[in-house]
Amino acid sequence: MIIDAHHHLWTADYQWLTEPGLESIRRDYTVADLVPRLDESNVTATVLVEAGRCDAEETAGFLAHATPGTTFVLDHLGKPRIEADDLAGWRAAVRDLAACDNVVAKLSGLLTEAGAGWRVADIRPYVDTALDLFGPQRLMAGSDWPVCELVATYDEAWTALHACLGELSPDERTAVLADTAIRTYALEVGS
């Protein structure tokens, strides 16, 4: 079972889509656009995500420590600067959040952070570090579709993630690909 724990649907009038470089995804994206991609990638269920953009890194850390009964999801692994090869800076930035048991993280949005011409080798150190910091039980996978289409197809996004998870045991892979999302979002899915 695979749960896509991060995808979007939208209309082309979102203000942030007016930014330069986003022309290729500046259109409406509907369920009808997504369904064929789910079948191609063997994705069982999805979580639709939409939220405003925020630069308040301190807020996330404060809230995670101050409200231990609330589960927080670190979206896109905190958007590491993969293209700038800033693994050490990113690791230092998320280490304290990862120490909070009430924080889970999404392996999503990594290919767009790696940029055009990405390779699995570009994202693997970030996935490995996330596995080290959070463990498989606190990581979930998401496509970030259709934003991923700036640099990769839906299937390429999943194929790259599967390549990074190849060393995990079957139970660990299931945790990342389904169980963490099911638990975090209280999803009811068939087996």
N, C-alpha and C. Protein backbone atom coordinates (compact mmCIF):
# COMPACT_ATOMS: atom_id res chain seq x y z
N MET A 1 0.85 -1.18 0.00
CA MET A 1 0.00 0.00 0.00
C MET A 1 0.89 1.24 0.00
N ILE A 2 0.53 2.23 -0.80
CA ILE A 2 1.24 3.51 -0.84
C ILE A 2 0.22 4.62 -0.64
N ILE A 3 0.51 5.52 0.30
CA ILE A 3 -0.32 6.70 0.56
C ILE A 3 0.47 7.91 0.09
N ASP A 4 -0.06 8.68 -0.83
CA ASP A 4 0.56 9.96 -1.21
C ASP A 4 0.10 10.98 -0.18
N ALA A 5 0.96 11.29 0.77
CA ALA A 5 0.60 12.14 1.90
C ALA A 5 0.75 13.64 1.60
N HIS A 6 0.95 13.98 0.35
CA HIS A 6 1.06 15.40 0.01
C HIS A 6 0.87 15.63 -1.49
N HIS A 7 -0.31 16.07 -1.85
CA HIS A 7 -0.54 16.53 -3.22
C HIS A 7 -1.50 17.71 -3.15
N HIS A 8 -1.60 18.43 -4.25
CA HIS A 8 -2.45 19.61 -4.32
C HIS A 8 -3.48 19.47 -5.43
N LEU A 9 -4.55 20.21 -5.31
CA LEU A 9 -5.48 20.51 -6.40
C LEU A 9 -5.66 22.01 -6.34
N TRP A 10 -5.76 22.67 -7.50
CA TRP A 10 -5.93 24.11 -7.46
C TRP A 10 -6.48 24.66 -8.75
N THR A 11 -6.85 25.92 -8.69
CA THR A 11 -7.21 26.66 -9.89
C THR A 11 -6.06 27.60 -10.20
N ALA A 12 -5.93 27.98 -11.44
CA ALA A 12 -4.77 28.73 -11.90
C ALA A 12 -4.69 30.15 -11.33
N ASP A 13 -5.67 30.56 -10.56
CA ASP A 13 -5.65 31.93 -10.05
C ASP A 13 -4.97 32.09 -8.70
N TYR A 14 -4.29 31.05 -8.19
CA TYR A 14 -3.52 31.21 -6.95
C TYR A 14 -2.46 32.29 -7.17
N GLN A 15 -2.35 33.20 -6.24
CA GLN A 15 -1.42 34.32 -6.37
C GLN A 15 0.03 33.86 -6.50
N TRP A 16 0.44 32.85 -5.74
CA TRP A 16 1.84 32.44 -5.77
C TRP A 16 2.23 31.83 -7.11
N LEU A 17 1.25 31.40 -7.91
CA LEU A 17 1.56 30.84 -9.22
C LEU A 17 2.00 31.89 -10.24
N THR A 18 1.93 33.16 -9.86
CA THR A 18 2.38 34.22 -10.77
C THR A 18 3.89 34.41 -10.71
N GLU A 19 4.57 33.74 -9.78
CA GLU A 19 6.02 33.86 -9.67
C GLU A 19 6.70 33.33 -10.93
N PRO A 20 7.81 33.95 -11.33
CA PRO A 20 8.54 33.47 -12.51
C PRO A 20 8.98 32.02 -12.34
N GLY A 21 8.97 31.28 -13.42
CA GLY A 21 9.41 29.90 -13.42
C GLY A 21 8.30 28.90 -13.16
N LEU A 22 7.10 29.37 -12.85
CA LEU A 22 6.00 28.46 -12.55
C LEU A 22 5.00 28.35 -13.70
N GLU A 23 5.36 28.86 -14.85
CA GLU A 23 4.44 28.85 -15.99
C GLU A 23 3.94 27.45 -16.35
N SER A 24 4.80 26.46 -16.22
CA SER A 24 4.40 25.11 -16.65
C SER A 24 3.35 24.48 -15.74
N ILE A 25 3.15 25.00 -14.54
CA ILE A 25 2.10 24.46 -13.66
C ILE A 25 1.02 25.51 -13.37
N ARG A 26 1.02 26.58 -14.11
CA ARG A 26 0.02 27.65 -13.94
C ARG A 26 -1.24 27.30 -14.72
N ARG A 27 -2.00 26.35 -14.20
CA ARG A 27 -3.26 25.92 -14.79
C ARG A 27 -4.08 25.24 -13.72
N ASP A 28 -5.32 24.92 -14.02
CA ASP A 28 -6.15 24.19 -13.07
C ASP A 28 -5.66 22.74 -12.97
N TYR A 29 -5.66 22.20 -11.75
CA TYR A 29 -5.36 20.79 -11.50
C TYR A 29 -6.52 20.21 -10.72
N THR A 30 -7.12 19.14 -11.25
CA THR A 30 -8.32 18.55 -10.67
C THR A 30 -8.09 17.08 -10.33
N VAL A 31 -9.06 16.49 -9.68
CA VAL A 31 -9.01 15.06 -9.38
C VAL A 31 -8.87 14.25 -10.67
N ALA A 32 -9.55 14.68 -11.71
CA ALA A 32 -9.46 13.98 -13.00
C ALA A 32 -8.03 13.97 -13.55
N ASP A 33 -7.26 15.00 -13.25
CA ASP A 33 -5.86 15.03 -13.67
C ASP A 33 -5.01 14.07 -12.85
N LEU A 34 -5.35 13.91 -11.57
CA LEU A 34 -4.56 13.09 -10.66
C LEU A 34 -4.81 11.59 -10.80
N VAL A 35 -6.04 11.18 -10.99
CA VAL A 35 -6.39 9.75 -10.95
C VAL A 35 -5.53 8.88 -11.86
N PRO A 36 -5.29 9.24 -13.11
CA PRO A 36 -4.45 8.35 -13.94
C PRO A 36 -3.03 8.20 -13.39
N ARG A 37 -2.52 9.24 -12.77
CA ARG A 37 -1.17 9.19 -12.19
C ARG A 37 -1.14 8.24 -10.99
N LEU A 38 -2.20 8.22 -10.21
CA LEU A 38 -2.28 7.31 -9.07
C LEU A 38 -2.18 5.87 -9.54
N ASP A 39 -2.94 5.54 -10.58
CA ASP A 39 -2.93 4.18 -11.11
C ASP A 39 -1.54 3.80 -11.63
N GLU A 40 -0.89 4.70 -12.37
CA GLU A 40 0.43 4.43 -12.94
C GLU A 40 1.46 4.15 -11.85
N SER A 41 1.32 4.80 -10.70
CA SER A 41 2.31 4.69 -9.63
C SER A 41 1.88 3.78 -8.49
N ASN A 42 0.76 3.08 -8.67
CA ASN A 42 0.24 2.15 -7.66
C ASN A 42 -0.04 2.81 -6.31
N VAL A 43 -0.52 4.05 -6.34
CA VAL A 43 -0.85 4.76 -5.11
C VAL A 43 -2.29 4.42 -4.73
N THR A 44 -2.48 4.03 -3.46
CA THR A 44 -3.76 3.55 -2.96
C THR A 44 -4.69 4.67 -2.52
N ALA A 45 -4.13 5.66 -1.80
CA ALA A 45 -4.93 6.74 -1.24
C ALA A 45 -4.08 8.00 -1.18
N THR A 46 -4.74 9.14 -1.00
CA THR A 46 -4.00 10.41 -0.98
C THR A 46 -4.50 11.31 0.13
N VAL A 47 -3.65 12.30 0.46
CA VAL A 47 -4.02 13.37 1.38
C VAL A 47 -3.86 14.68 0.62
N LEU A 48 -4.95 15.38 0.45
CA LEU A 48 -4.94 16.68 -0.22
C LEU A 48 -4.46 17.73 0.77
N VAL A 49 -3.47 18.51 0.36
CA VAL A 49 -2.85 19.50 1.24
C VAL A 49 -2.99 20.88 0.64
N GLU A 50 -3.36 21.81 1.48
CA GLU A 50 -3.32 23.21 1.06
C GLU A 50 -3.14 24.05 2.30
N ALA A 51 -2.19 24.92 2.25
CA ALA A 51 -1.92 25.82 3.37
C ALA A 51 -1.20 27.05 2.84
N GLY A 52 -1.27 28.11 3.59
CA GLY A 52 -0.55 29.33 3.23
C GLY A 52 0.94 29.14 3.42
N ARG A 53 1.70 29.97 2.77
CA ARG A 53 3.15 29.92 2.92
C ARG A 53 3.55 30.71 4.15
N CYS A 54 4.56 30.22 4.86
CA CYS A 54 4.98 30.84 6.11
C CYS A 54 6.49 30.75 6.23
N ASP A 55 7.13 31.82 6.69
CA ASP A 55 8.58 31.82 6.90
C ASP A 55 8.96 31.73 8.37
N ALA A 56 8.03 31.49 9.24
CA ALA A 56 8.27 31.55 10.68
C ALA A 56 8.82 30.24 11.22
N GLU A 57 10.11 29.97 10.95
CA GLU A 57 10.72 28.72 11.42
C GLU A 57 10.68 28.60 12.93
N GLU A 58 10.91 29.71 13.63
CA GLU A 58 10.90 29.68 15.09
C GLU A 58 9.52 29.27 15.62
N THR A 59 8.46 29.65 14.92
CA THR A 59 7.12 29.32 15.36
C THR A 59 6.93 27.81 15.42
N ALA A 60 7.38 27.11 14.43
CA ALA A 60 7.23 25.65 14.40
C ALA A 60 7.94 25.01 15.58
N GLY A 61 9.17 25.41 15.83
CA GLY A 61 9.93 24.86 16.96
C GLY A 61 9.27 25.17 18.29
N PHE A 62 8.84 26.39 18.46
CA PHE A 62 8.18 26.79 19.70
C PHE A 62 6.91 25.96 19.92
N LEU A 63 6.08 25.87 18.91
CA LEU A 63 4.82 25.14 19.06
C LEU A 63 5.05 23.65 19.32
N ALA A 64 6.02 23.06 18.63
CA ALA A 64 6.29 21.64 18.83
C ALA A 64 6.71 21.35 20.26
N HIS A 65 7.51 22.24 20.85
CA HIS A 65 7.95 22.06 22.23
C HIS A 65 6.85 22.43 23.23
N ALA A 66 6.08 23.46 22.92
CA ALA A 66 5.09 23.98 23.86
C ALA A 66 3.81 23.17 23.90
N THR A 67 3.52 22.43 22.85
CA THR A 67 2.27 21.67 22.78
C THR A 67 2.56 20.22 22.42
N PRO A 68 3.14 19.48 23.37
CA PRO A 68 3.56 18.10 23.06
C PRO A 68 2.41 17.16 22.72
N GLY A 69 1.18 17.50 23.02
CA GLY A 69 0.06 16.64 22.68
C GLY A 69 -0.45 16.82 21.26
N THR A 70 0.13 17.76 20.54
CA THR A 70 -0.29 18.04 19.17
C THR A 70 0.74 17.48 18.20
N THR A 71 0.28 16.81 17.16
CA THR A 71 1.20 16.30 16.14
C THR A 71 1.44 17.38 15.11
N PHE A 72 2.71 17.62 14.81
CA PHE A 72 3.11 18.58 13.79
C PHE A 72 3.74 17.83 12.63
N VAL A 73 3.46 18.29 11.41
CA VAL A 73 4.03 17.68 10.21
C VAL A 73 4.98 18.68 9.58
N LEU A 74 6.25 18.30 9.50
CA LEU A 74 7.26 19.13 8.84
C LEU A 74 7.14 18.86 7.34
N ASP A 75 6.56 19.80 6.65
CA ASP A 75 6.28 19.66 5.23
C ASP A 75 7.57 19.73 4.41
N HIS A 76 7.69 18.90 3.40
CA HIS A 76 8.82 18.91 2.47
C HIS A 76 10.17 18.85 3.19
N LEU A 77 10.22 18.14 4.32
CA LEU A 77 11.44 18.07 5.14
C LEU A 77 11.97 19.46 5.51
N GLY A 78 11.10 20.45 5.53
CA GLY A 78 11.55 21.80 5.85
C GLY A 78 12.19 22.51 4.66
N LYS A 79 11.99 22.00 3.47
CA LYS A 79 12.51 22.58 2.22
C LYS A 79 14.03 22.78 2.25
N PRO A 80 14.77 21.67 2.35
CA PRO A 80 16.23 21.79 2.33
C PRO A 80 16.72 22.37 1.00
N ARG A 81 17.80 23.10 1.06
CA ARG A 81 18.36 23.71 -0.15
C ARG A 81 19.26 22.69 -0.85
N ILE A 82 18.62 21.72 -1.47
CA ILE A 82 19.35 20.60 -2.09
C ILE A 82 20.20 21.09 -3.26
N GLU A 83 19.64 21.96 -4.08
CA GLU A 83 20.39 22.46 -5.24
C GLU A 83 21.65 23.20 -4.81
N ALA A 84 21.62 23.83 -3.63
CA ALA A 84 22.78 24.54 -3.10
C ALA A 84 23.70 23.62 -2.30
N ASP A 85 23.34 22.31 -2.20
CA ASP A 85 24.14 21.31 -1.50
C ASP A 85 24.41 21.73 -0.05
N ASP A 86 23.32 22.07 0.66
CA ASP A 86 23.42 22.55 2.04
C ASP A 86 22.92 21.51 3.04
N LEU A 87 23.42 20.28 2.95
CA LEU A 87 22.99 19.21 3.83
C LEU A 87 23.27 19.53 5.29
N ALA A 88 24.46 20.02 5.60
CA ALA A 88 24.81 20.30 6.99
C ALA A 88 23.94 21.41 7.58
N GLY A 89 23.69 22.45 6.82
CA GLY A 89 22.84 23.55 7.30
C GLY A 89 21.42 23.08 7.54
N TRP A 90 20.89 22.27 6.62
CA TRP A 90 19.53 21.75 6.79
C TRP A 90 19.45 20.82 8.00
N ARG A 91 20.42 19.94 8.14
CA ARG A 91 20.42 19.00 9.27
C ARG A 91 20.40 19.76 10.59
N ALA A 92 21.23 20.78 10.69
CA ALA A 92 21.27 21.59 11.92
C ALA A 92 19.93 22.28 12.17
N ALA A 93 19.27 22.72 11.09
CA ALA A 93 18.01 23.44 11.23
C ALA A 93 16.86 22.55 11.69
N VAL A 94 16.86 21.27 11.32
CA VAL A 94 15.74 20.39 11.67
C VAL A 94 16.03 19.45 12.85
N ARG A 95 17.26 19.40 13.29
CA ARG A 95 17.64 18.47 14.36
C ARG A 95 16.77 18.64 15.62
N ASP A 96 16.55 19.89 16.06
CA ASP A 96 15.75 20.11 17.27
C ASP A 96 14.30 19.70 17.07
N LEU A 97 13.75 19.98 15.89
CA LEU A 97 12.37 19.54 15.63
C LEU A 97 12.28 18.02 15.62
N ALA A 98 13.26 17.37 15.03
CA ALA A 98 13.26 15.91 14.96
C ALA A 98 13.35 15.28 16.35
N ALA A 99 13.92 15.99 17.30
CA ALA A 99 14.02 15.48 18.67
C ALA A 99 12.67 15.47 19.38
N CYS A 100 11.69 16.17 18.84
CA CYS A 100 10.34 16.20 19.42
C CYS A 100 9.54 15.01 18.90
N ASP A 101 9.09 14.16 19.81
CA ASP A 101 8.34 12.97 19.42
C ASP A 101 7.03 13.28 18.72
N ASN A 102 6.53 14.51 18.89
CA ASN A 102 5.25 14.88 18.29
C ASN A 102 5.41 15.50 16.90
N VAL A 103 6.61 15.42 16.33
CA VAL A 103 6.84 15.96 14.98
C VAL A 103 7.13 14.80 14.04
N VAL A 104 6.37 14.75 12.94
CA VAL A 104 6.63 13.82 11.85
C VAL A 104 7.03 14.67 10.63
N ALA A 105 7.62 14.04 9.65
CA ALA A 105 8.09 14.80 8.49
C ALA A 105 7.68 14.12 7.20
N LYS A 106 7.53 14.94 6.16
CA LYS A 106 7.16 14.44 4.84
C LYS A 106 8.36 14.42 3.91
N LEU A 107 8.56 13.28 3.29
CA LEU A 107 9.51 13.14 2.19
C LEU A 107 8.76 13.57 0.94
N SER A 108 8.69 14.85 0.73
CA SER A 108 7.96 15.41 -0.42
C SER A 108 8.64 16.69 -0.84
N GLY A 109 8.44 17.09 -2.08
CA GLY A 109 8.99 18.35 -2.56
C GLY A 109 10.49 18.35 -2.75
N LEU A 110 11.14 17.22 -2.61
CA LEU A 110 12.60 17.18 -2.68
C LEU A 110 13.13 17.37 -4.09
N LEU A 111 12.41 16.86 -5.08
CA LEU A 111 12.92 16.99 -6.45
C LEU A 111 12.90 18.44 -6.91
N THR A 112 11.88 19.19 -6.54
CA THR A 112 11.88 20.61 -6.94
C THR A 112 12.97 21.37 -6.21
N GLU A 113 13.29 20.97 -4.98
CA GLU A 113 14.39 21.61 -4.26
C GLU A 113 15.74 21.23 -4.88
N ALA A 114 15.81 20.04 -5.50
CA ALA A 114 17.05 19.62 -6.17
C ALA A 114 17.22 20.33 -7.51
N GLY A 115 16.10 20.74 -8.12
CA GLY A 115 16.15 21.50 -9.36
C GLY A 115 16.17 20.64 -10.61
N ALA A 116 16.10 21.34 -11.73
CA ALA A 116 16.12 20.66 -13.03
C ALA A 116 17.41 19.84 -13.15
N GLY A 117 17.29 18.69 -13.74
CA GLY A 117 18.46 17.83 -13.91
C GLY A 117 18.80 17.04 -12.65
N TRP A 118 17.89 16.98 -11.70
CA TRP A 118 18.11 16.23 -10.46
C TRP A 118 18.44 14.79 -10.75
N ARG A 119 19.11 14.18 -9.79
CA ARG A 119 19.40 12.74 -9.81
C ARG A 119 19.02 12.17 -8.45
N VAL A 120 18.75 10.90 -8.38
CA VAL A 120 18.44 10.27 -7.10
C VAL A 120 19.57 10.54 -6.10
N ALA A 121 20.80 10.53 -6.57
CA ALA A 121 21.95 10.79 -5.70
C ALA A 121 21.88 12.18 -5.05
N ASP A 122 21.16 13.11 -5.65
CA ASP A 122 21.03 14.45 -5.07
C ASP A 122 20.13 14.45 -3.84
N ILE A 123 19.07 13.64 -3.87
CA ILE A 123 18.12 13.65 -2.76
C ILE A 123 18.41 12.58 -1.71
N ARG A 124 19.14 11.54 -2.10
CA ARG A 124 19.40 10.43 -1.18
C ARG A 124 20.00 10.87 0.16
N PRO A 125 21.00 11.76 0.21
CA PRO A 125 21.55 12.14 1.52
C PRO A 125 20.52 12.80 2.43
N TYR A 126 19.57 13.50 1.85
CA TYR A 126 18.53 14.16 2.65
C TYR A 126 17.53 13.13 3.17
N VAL A 127 17.19 12.16 2.34
CA VAL A 127 16.30 11.09 2.78
C VAL A 127 16.99 10.26 3.86
N ASP A 128 18.27 9.92 3.65
CA ASP A 128 19.01 9.14 4.64
C ASP A 128 19.11 9.90 5.97
N THR A 129 19.37 11.19 5.89
CA THR A 129 19.46 12.00 7.11
C THR A 129 18.11 12.08 7.81
N ALA A 130 17.04 12.23 7.04
CA ALA A 130 15.70 12.25 7.64
C ALA A 130 15.40 10.91 8.32
N LEU A 131 15.79 9.81 7.70
CA LEU A 131 15.60 8.50 8.32
C LEU A 131 16.40 8.41 9.62
N ASP A 132 17.59 8.97 9.64
CA ASP A 132 18.42 8.97 10.83
C ASP A 132 17.80 9.83 11.93
N LEU A 133 17.32 11.02 11.58
CA LEU A 133 16.79 11.95 12.57
C LEU A 133 15.39 11.58 13.07
N PHE A 134 14.51 11.19 12.17
CA PHE A 134 13.10 10.92 12.51
C PHE A 134 12.79 9.44 12.66
N GLY A 135 13.50 8.60 11.91
CA GLY A 135 13.18 7.18 11.86
C GLY A 135 11.99 6.94 10.94
N PRO A 136 11.85 5.74 10.41
CA PRO A 136 10.77 5.45 9.47
C PRO A 136 9.38 5.64 10.07
N GLN A 137 9.23 5.44 11.36
CA GLN A 137 7.92 5.55 12.01
C GLN A 137 7.41 6.98 12.10
N ARG A 138 8.29 7.96 11.81
CA ARG A 138 7.88 9.36 11.87
C ARG A 138 8.11 10.07 10.54
N LEU A 139 8.19 9.29 9.47
CA LEU A 139 8.31 9.85 8.12
C LEU A 139 7.16 9.34 7.27
N MET A 140 6.69 10.20 6.37
CA MET A 140 5.68 9.79 5.40
C MET A 140 6.10 10.32 4.03
N ALA A 141 5.52 9.74 2.99
CA ALA A 141 5.90 10.07 1.62
C ALA A 141 4.79 10.85 0.94
N GLY A 142 5.18 11.82 0.12
CA GLY A 142 4.23 12.58 -0.67
C GLY A 142 4.84 13.00 -1.99
N SER A 143 4.00 13.15 -2.99
CA SER A 143 4.48 13.48 -4.33
C SER A 143 4.70 14.96 -4.56
N ASP A 144 3.94 15.80 -3.88
CA ASP A 144 3.88 17.25 -4.12
C ASP A 144 3.38 17.54 -5.53
N TRP A 145 2.55 16.66 -6.05
CA TRP A 145 1.95 16.87 -7.37
C TRP A 145 0.95 18.01 -7.28
N PRO A 146 0.81 18.90 -8.21
CA PRO A 146 1.51 18.95 -9.49
C PRO A 146 2.79 19.78 -9.47
N VAL A 147 3.18 20.30 -8.29
CA VAL A 147 4.41 21.10 -8.23
C VAL A 147 5.60 20.28 -8.70
N CYS A 148 5.61 18.99 -8.42
CA CYS A 148 6.73 18.14 -8.86
C CYS A 148 6.92 18.19 -10.36
N GLU A 149 5.84 18.50 -11.09
CA GLU A 149 5.93 18.50 -12.54
C GLU A 149 6.79 19.64 -13.10
N LEU A 150 7.26 20.52 -12.22
CA LEU A 150 8.25 21.52 -12.66
C LEU A 150 9.55 20.83 -13.06
N VAL A 151 9.84 19.66 -12.45
CA VAL A 151 11.10 18.97 -12.72
C VAL A 151 10.95 17.47 -12.99
N ALA A 152 9.76 16.88 -12.70
CA ALA A 152 9.60 15.43 -12.84
C ALA A 152 8.12 15.09 -12.99
N THR A 153 7.87 13.93 -13.57
CA THR A 153 6.49 13.45 -13.63
C THR A 153 6.11 12.87 -12.27
N TYR A 154 4.84 12.64 -12.07
CA TYR A 154 4.35 12.02 -10.85
C TYR A 154 5.06 10.68 -10.63
N ASP A 155 5.11 9.85 -11.66
CA ASP A 155 5.74 8.54 -11.54
C ASP A 155 7.24 8.66 -11.25
N GLU A 156 7.92 9.61 -11.88
CA GLU A 156 9.35 9.81 -11.60
C GLU A 156 9.58 10.20 -10.14
N ALA A 157 8.67 11.01 -9.59
CA ALA A 157 8.80 11.40 -8.18
C ALA A 157 8.72 10.17 -7.28
N TRP A 158 7.77 9.29 -7.54
CA TRP A 158 7.64 8.08 -6.74
C TRP A 158 8.80 7.13 -6.98
N THR A 159 9.23 7.00 -8.21
CA THR A 159 10.36 6.10 -8.52
C THR A 159 11.62 6.55 -7.79
N ALA A 160 11.88 7.86 -7.76
CA ALA A 160 13.04 8.39 -7.05
C ALA A 160 12.95 8.10 -5.55
N LEU A 161 11.77 8.28 -4.99
CA LEU A 161 11.60 8.02 -3.56
C LEU A 161 11.78 6.54 -3.25
N HIS A 162 11.20 5.67 -4.08
CA HIS A 162 11.38 4.23 -3.89
C HIS A 162 12.87 3.86 -3.94
N ALA A 163 13.61 4.48 -4.84
CA ALA A 163 15.05 4.20 -4.94
C ALA A 163 15.77 4.57 -3.64
N CYS A 164 15.36 5.65 -3.02
CA CYS A 164 15.98 6.08 -1.76
C CYS A 164 15.60 5.19 -0.58
N LEU A 165 14.49 4.51 -0.68
CA LEU A 165 14.01 3.68 0.43
C LEU A 165 14.37 2.21 0.26
N GLY A 166 15.13 1.89 -0.77
CA GLY A 166 15.43 0.51 -1.12
C GLY A 166 16.14 -0.29 -0.05
N GLU A 167 16.90 0.36 0.83
CA GLU A 167 17.65 -0.34 1.87
C GLU A 167 16.81 -0.66 3.10
N LEU A 168 15.60 -0.12 3.18
CA LEU A 168 14.75 -0.34 4.36
C LEU A 168 14.15 -1.74 4.35
N SER A 169 13.82 -2.20 5.54
CA SER A 169 13.11 -3.48 5.65
C SER A 169 11.68 -3.28 5.12
N PRO A 170 10.97 -4.35 4.81
CA PRO A 170 9.58 -4.20 4.35
C PRO A 170 8.71 -3.43 5.36
N ASP A 171 8.87 -3.69 6.65
CA ASP A 171 8.08 -2.96 7.66
C ASP A 171 8.42 -1.48 7.69
N GLU A 172 9.70 -1.15 7.55
CA GLU A 172 10.11 0.26 7.54
C GLU A 172 9.58 0.98 6.30
N ARG A 173 9.64 0.30 5.15
CA ARG A 173 9.09 0.89 3.93
C ARG A 173 7.59 1.15 4.08
N THR A 174 6.88 0.18 4.64
CA THR A 174 5.44 0.34 4.85
C THR A 174 5.16 1.50 5.79
N ALA A 175 5.99 1.68 6.80
CA ALA A 175 5.82 2.81 7.72
C ALA A 175 5.90 4.12 6.95
N VAL A 176 6.92 4.27 6.12
CA VAL A 176 7.12 5.52 5.37
C VAL A 176 6.05 5.70 4.29
N LEU A 177 5.74 4.63 3.58
CA LEU A 177 4.83 4.74 2.43
C LEU A 177 3.35 4.74 2.80
N ALA A 178 3.02 4.34 4.02
CA ALA A 178 1.59 4.30 4.37
C ALA A 178 1.31 4.55 5.85
N ASP A 179 1.94 3.76 6.73
CA ASP A 179 1.53 3.75 8.13
C ASP A 179 1.61 5.11 8.83
N THR A 180 2.66 5.87 8.60
CA THR A 180 2.79 7.17 9.27
C THR A 180 1.67 8.10 8.84
N ALA A 181 1.34 8.13 7.56
CA ALA A 181 0.24 8.98 7.09
C ALA A 181 -1.10 8.50 7.66
N ILE A 182 -1.32 7.20 7.69
CA ILE A 182 -2.57 6.65 8.22
C ILE A 182 -2.72 7.06 9.69
N ARG A 183 -1.66 6.90 10.47
CA ARG A 183 -1.70 7.24 11.88
C ARG A 183 -1.83 8.75 12.10
N THR A 184 -1.04 9.53 11.40
CA THR A 184 -1.02 10.98 11.59
C THR A 184 -2.34 11.62 11.22
N TYR A 185 -2.92 11.21 10.11
CA TYR A 185 -4.16 11.82 9.62
C TYR A 185 -5.41 11.01 9.97
N ALA A 186 -5.23 9.94 10.76
CA ALA A 186 -6.35 9.08 11.14
C ALA A 186 -7.15 8.65 9.92
N LEU A 187 -6.42 8.20 8.90
CA LEU A 187 -7.06 7.78 7.65
C LEU A 187 -7.71 6.41 7.82
N GLU A 188 -8.83 6.25 7.19
CA GLU A 188 -9.49 4.94 7.13
C GLU A 188 -9.35 4.44 5.71
N VAL A 189 -8.45 3.47 5.53
CA VAL A 189 -8.20 2.92 4.20
C VAL A 189 -8.33 1.41 4.25
N GLY A 190 -8.75 0.84 3.12
CA GLY A 190 -8.84 -0.61 3.03
C GLY A 190 -7.44 -1.20 2.92
N SER A 191 -7.33 -2.50 3.14
CA SER A 191 -6.01 -3.13 3.06
C SER A 191 -5.71 -3.63 1.68
